[in-house]
Structure formats: C-alpha cells, structure tokens
Amino acid sequence: MEKNMQSPPLKPYKCLLRTQIFLRILATAFTLASTWIILTSKQTVTVFGLEMDARYSYSPSFKFFVIANIIGCAFSVLSLFLASVLSHKCLDPKNYFYMFLHDLIVMALLLAGCAAATAIGYVGKYGESHSGWMPICDHVSKFCHKVTDSVMLSYFAVLFYLCLTIISANQSRQIQV
C-alpha cells in the first residue's frame, strides 16, 4: 500500500505521454513533408524571351529554411525515440526539463527558418518598390505555391513544438530543488 502512495498516478502520465508521442509524430511528418516539397520545387519559365529559373537553392533564406526543417525532422525522430524510452523509465521530472530544452530549441530553429522563408516569400510575391525588386510570383506561380505550402506545413510543426514545449515545461515544474 505504501508503494501506491509514493508513485504518481499513471493514467494522466500515460495520457500526456501519448499526446507527446502523437505531437512528435505530427512534427516529424510535417517537417519531412515541408522539406520534401521545397526540395522538389522548381520552375523554369520564359519571360520576354529570357529563360527564368526559380529554385529554392538560389536563396540563402530558403537554404536555411531547408536545413532548419531537416534538423527539426531529425531531432523530432530522436525525441520520439527518447519519449518512447522515457515511457518505460521512471517518472523523473528532470527528464521533462531536458525534453523542454530540446523542444524549445527545435521550436526556435523551426520558427527562425519559417521567418526567413516568409520574408523572402513576401518579397517574391509583392516585391520591394523602394529597393527596385519586382515580384516574381506572377511569373513562377507553381514555384511560389509550392514554397507557400512548404512554409505553411513548417509553421504547423512550430505549433506542434509549441504545444510540446508547454507540456514539457508544465511537467518539469515538479522538479524539487
């Protein structure tokens, strides 16, 4: 009877763990899909007799976005594995603190990649008249739509990591100092 009083209830813990695993699977799927879509986005058009090529690799911001999503996907797989291992280990709140740090860093990286891609996407769609940059999405709409889809999927992954960060932060509050 003393063992039951010392161990925390397992039902809420298992529910939180299932939620974390589900969110990590979603984050993995969305970052993978985002990466795949932007890596395969390219379009070549002829404008005024000149051949114009649009690829993600022409923009350092899109390259950063791709790298951020690849890292986010890899760390999502790693954290999915760790969450599965933690489900069989003790309920030590310190583990949640490490997961909190992990989730916060991955969320920040994904958000930075999304912000960079959104900024360049905005310039591509609307141009920048003060700098003399003309919008290009009128000419390469297929490319722009694929980039928009990719960035949108990545923003969803950021939201999943925000939820994971909140869950981990809430669980790590139980650390006794």
Protein backbone atom coordinates (compact mmCIF):
# COMPACT_ATOMS: atom_id res chain seq x y z
CA MET A 1 0.00 0.00 0.00
CA GLU A 2 2.92 2.37 0.65
CA LYS A 3 4.15 1.93 -2.93
CA ASN A 4 0.86 3.24 -4.31
CA MET A 5 1.06 6.36 -2.16
CA GLN A 6 4.60 7.19 -3.30
CA SER A 7 4.18 6.74 -7.04
CA PRO A 8 2.20 9.33 -9.02
CA PRO A 9 -0.97 8.24 -10.80
CA LEU A 10 -0.12 6.60 -14.12
CA LYS A 11 -3.28 7.43 -16.08
CA PRO A 12 -2.57 11.19 -16.53
CA TYR A 13 1.09 10.40 -17.17
CA LYS A 14 0.22 7.87 -19.90
CA CYS A 15 -2.23 10.33 -21.47
CA LEU A 16 0.43 13.07 -21.54
CA LEU A 17 2.95 10.63 -22.94
CA ARG A 18 0.58 9.53 -25.71
CA THR A 19 -0.12 13.19 -26.50
CA GLN A 20 3.61 13.94 -26.67
CA ILE A 21 4.28 10.95 -28.92
CA PHE A 22 1.38 11.93 -31.20
CA LEU A 23 2.61 15.55 -31.44
CA ARG A 24 6.16 14.35 -32.15
CA ILE A 25 4.89 12.08 -34.94
CA LEU A 26 2.98 15.02 -36.42
CA ALA A 27 6.01 17.31 -36.14
CA THR A 28 8.17 14.68 -37.85
CA ALA A 29 5.65 14.20 -40.66
CA PHE A 30 5.10 17.92 -41.23
CA THR A 31 8.81 18.84 -41.25
CA LEU A 32 9.55 15.92 -43.57
CA ALA A 33 6.73 16.92 -45.93
CA SER A 34 7.81 20.57 -45.81
CA THR A 35 11.37 19.61 -46.66
CA TRP A 36 10.29 17.32 -49.49
CA ILE A 37 8.00 19.94 -51.03
CA ILE A 38 10.59 22.72 -51.05
CA LEU A 39 13.38 20.43 -52.28
CA THR A 40 11.24 19.44 -55.27
CA SER A 41 10.02 22.96 -56.02
CA LYS A 42 11.47 24.39 -59.19
CA GLN A 43 10.05 26.08 -62.21
CA THR A 44 11.50 27.39 -65.45
CA VAL A 45 9.62 29.97 -67.49
CA THR A 46 10.39 32.25 -70.42
CA VAL A 47 9.78 35.94 -69.80
CA PHE A 48 10.35 38.44 -72.62
CA GLY A 49 12.44 35.85 -74.43
CA LEU A 50 14.64 35.20 -71.38
CA GLU A 51 14.59 31.89 -69.59
CA MET A 52 13.98 32.37 -65.87
CA ASP A 53 14.65 29.58 -63.38
CA ALA A 54 13.25 29.52 -59.83
CA ARG A 55 14.74 27.11 -57.28
CA TYR A 56 15.00 27.10 -53.52
CA SER A 57 18.79 26.82 -53.77
CA TYR A 58 19.07 30.33 -55.26
CA SER A 59 18.10 31.93 -51.95
CA PRO A 60 20.18 31.66 -48.75
CA SER A 61 16.97 32.13 -46.76
CA PHE A 62 15.33 29.15 -48.44
CA LYS A 63 18.51 27.10 -47.91
CA PHE A 64 18.37 27.97 -44.20
CA PHE A 65 14.68 27.01 -44.18
CA VAL A 66 15.52 23.61 -45.68
CA ILE A 67 18.35 22.99 -43.22
CA ALA A 68 16.17 24.05 -40.28
CA ASN A 69 13.45 21.62 -41.38
CA ILE A 70 15.93 18.77 -41.88
CA ILE A 71 17.36 19.35 -38.41
CA GLY A 72 13.86 19.70 -36.97
CA CYS A 73 12.80 16.43 -38.59
CA ALA A 74 15.91 14.58 -37.38
CA PHE A 75 15.52 15.86 -33.84
CA SER A 76 11.81 15.01 -33.93
CA VAL A 77 12.71 11.41 -34.72
CA LEU A 78 15.31 11.46 -31.94
CA SER A 79 12.87 12.92 -29.43
CA LEU A 80 10.23 10.40 -30.49
CA PHE A 81 12.67 7.64 -29.65
CA LEU A 82 13.56 9.30 -26.33
CA ALA A 83 9.90 9.80 -25.41
CA SER A 84 9.30 6.11 -26.08
CA VAL A 85 12.27 5.16 -23.88
CA LEU A 86 11.10 7.54 -21.14
CA SER A 87 7.72 5.85 -21.17
CA HIS A 88 9.40 2.72 -19.81
CA LYS A 89 11.63 4.55 -17.33
CA CYS A 90 10.91 6.32 -14.09
CA LEU A 91 8.80 9.46 -13.92
CA ASP A 92 11.74 11.72 -13.07
CA PRO A 93 10.79 15.39 -13.68
CA LYS A 94 14.41 16.12 -14.69
CA ASN A 95 13.77 14.17 -17.89
CA TYR A 96 10.96 16.59 -18.71
CA PHE A 97 13.29 19.53 -18.20
CA TYR A 98 15.69 18.13 -20.80
CA MET A 99 12.80 17.48 -23.16
CA PHE A 100 11.63 21.07 -22.50
CA LEU A 101 15.05 22.42 -23.54
CA HIS A 102 15.07 20.18 -26.60
CA ASP A 103 11.57 21.21 -27.66
CA LEU A 104 12.29 24.90 -27.08
CA ILE A 105 15.47 24.83 -29.18
CA VAL A 106 13.85 22.90 -32.05
CA MET A 107 10.83 25.23 -31.99
CA ALA A 108 13.12 28.29 -32.11
CA LEU A 109 15.10 26.82 -35.02
CA LEU A 110 11.96 25.96 -36.99
CA LEU A 111 10.47 29.39 -36.28
CA ALA A 112 13.66 31.11 -37.49
CA GLY A 113 13.58 29.07 -40.70
CA CYS A 114 9.91 29.89 -41.23
CA ALA A 115 10.52 33.58 -40.62
CA ALA A 116 13.38 33.67 -43.12
CA ALA A 117 11.34 31.85 -45.78
CA THR A 118 8.28 34.03 -45.11
CA ALA A 119 10.31 37.22 -45.55
CA ILE A 120 11.74 36.12 -48.89
CA GLY A 121 8.38 34.74 -49.96
CA TYR A 122 6.78 38.11 -49.24
CA VAL A 123 9.35 39.86 -51.40
CA GLY A 124 8.83 37.27 -54.13
CA LYS A 125 5.08 37.79 -54.08
CA TYR A 126 4.84 41.55 -53.62
CA GLY A 127 8.31 42.85 -54.50
CA GLU A 128 10.03 45.74 -52.74
CA SER A 129 9.48 49.01 -54.58
CA HIS A 130 11.99 51.04 -52.52
CA SER A 131 14.78 48.64 -53.49
CA GLY A 132 13.56 48.15 -57.03
CA TRP A 133 12.81 44.44 -56.57
CA MET A 134 9.94 43.29 -58.71
CA PRO A 135 7.56 40.50 -57.68
CA ILE A 136 8.31 37.18 -59.38
CA CYS A 137 5.34 35.07 -58.28
CA ASP A 138 3.33 36.40 -61.23
CA HIS A 139 5.74 34.53 -63.49
CA VAL A 140 6.59 31.41 -61.44
CA SER A 141 3.30 30.77 -59.67
CA LYS A 142 3.81 26.99 -59.42
CA PHE A 143 7.09 27.52 -57.56
CA CYS A 144 5.55 30.14 -55.26
CA HIS A 145 2.58 27.90 -54.42
CA LYS A 146 4.87 25.01 -53.52
CA VAL A 147 7.02 27.26 -51.33
CA THR A 148 3.89 28.61 -49.64
CA ASP A 149 2.68 25.07 -48.94
CA SER A 150 6.07 24.11 -47.56
CA VAL A 151 6.26 27.12 -45.25
CA MET A 152 2.69 26.54 -44.07
CA LEU A 153 3.49 22.91 -43.14
CA SER A 154 6.56 24.08 -41.28
CA TYR A 155 4.51 26.63 -39.31
CA PHE A 156 2.24 23.78 -38.24
CA ALA A 157 5.33 21.93 -37.00
CA VAL A 158 6.23 25.06 -35.00
CA LEU A 159 2.77 24.94 -33.41
CA PHE A 160 3.24 21.26 -32.55
CA TYR A 161 6.56 22.10 -30.91
CA LEU A 162 4.96 24.98 -29.05
CA CYS A 163 2.45 22.51 -27.57
CA LEU A 164 5.29 20.10 -26.73
CA THR A 165 7.23 22.92 -25.06
CA ILE A 166 4.24 23.85 -22.93
CA ILE A 167 3.66 20.22 -21.93
CA SER A 168 7.32 19.68 -21.05
CA ALA A 169 7.53 22.97 -19.14
CA ASN A 170 4.44 22.07 -17.17
CA GLN A 171 5.82 18.64 -16.31
CA SER A 172 9.27 19.99 -15.38
CA ARG A 173 7.68 22.32 -12.78
CA GLN A 174 7.66 19.30 -10.47
CA ILE A 175 11.46 19.36 -10.07
CA GLN A 176 12.43 19.59 -6.41
CA VAL A 177 15.37 21.96 -5.89
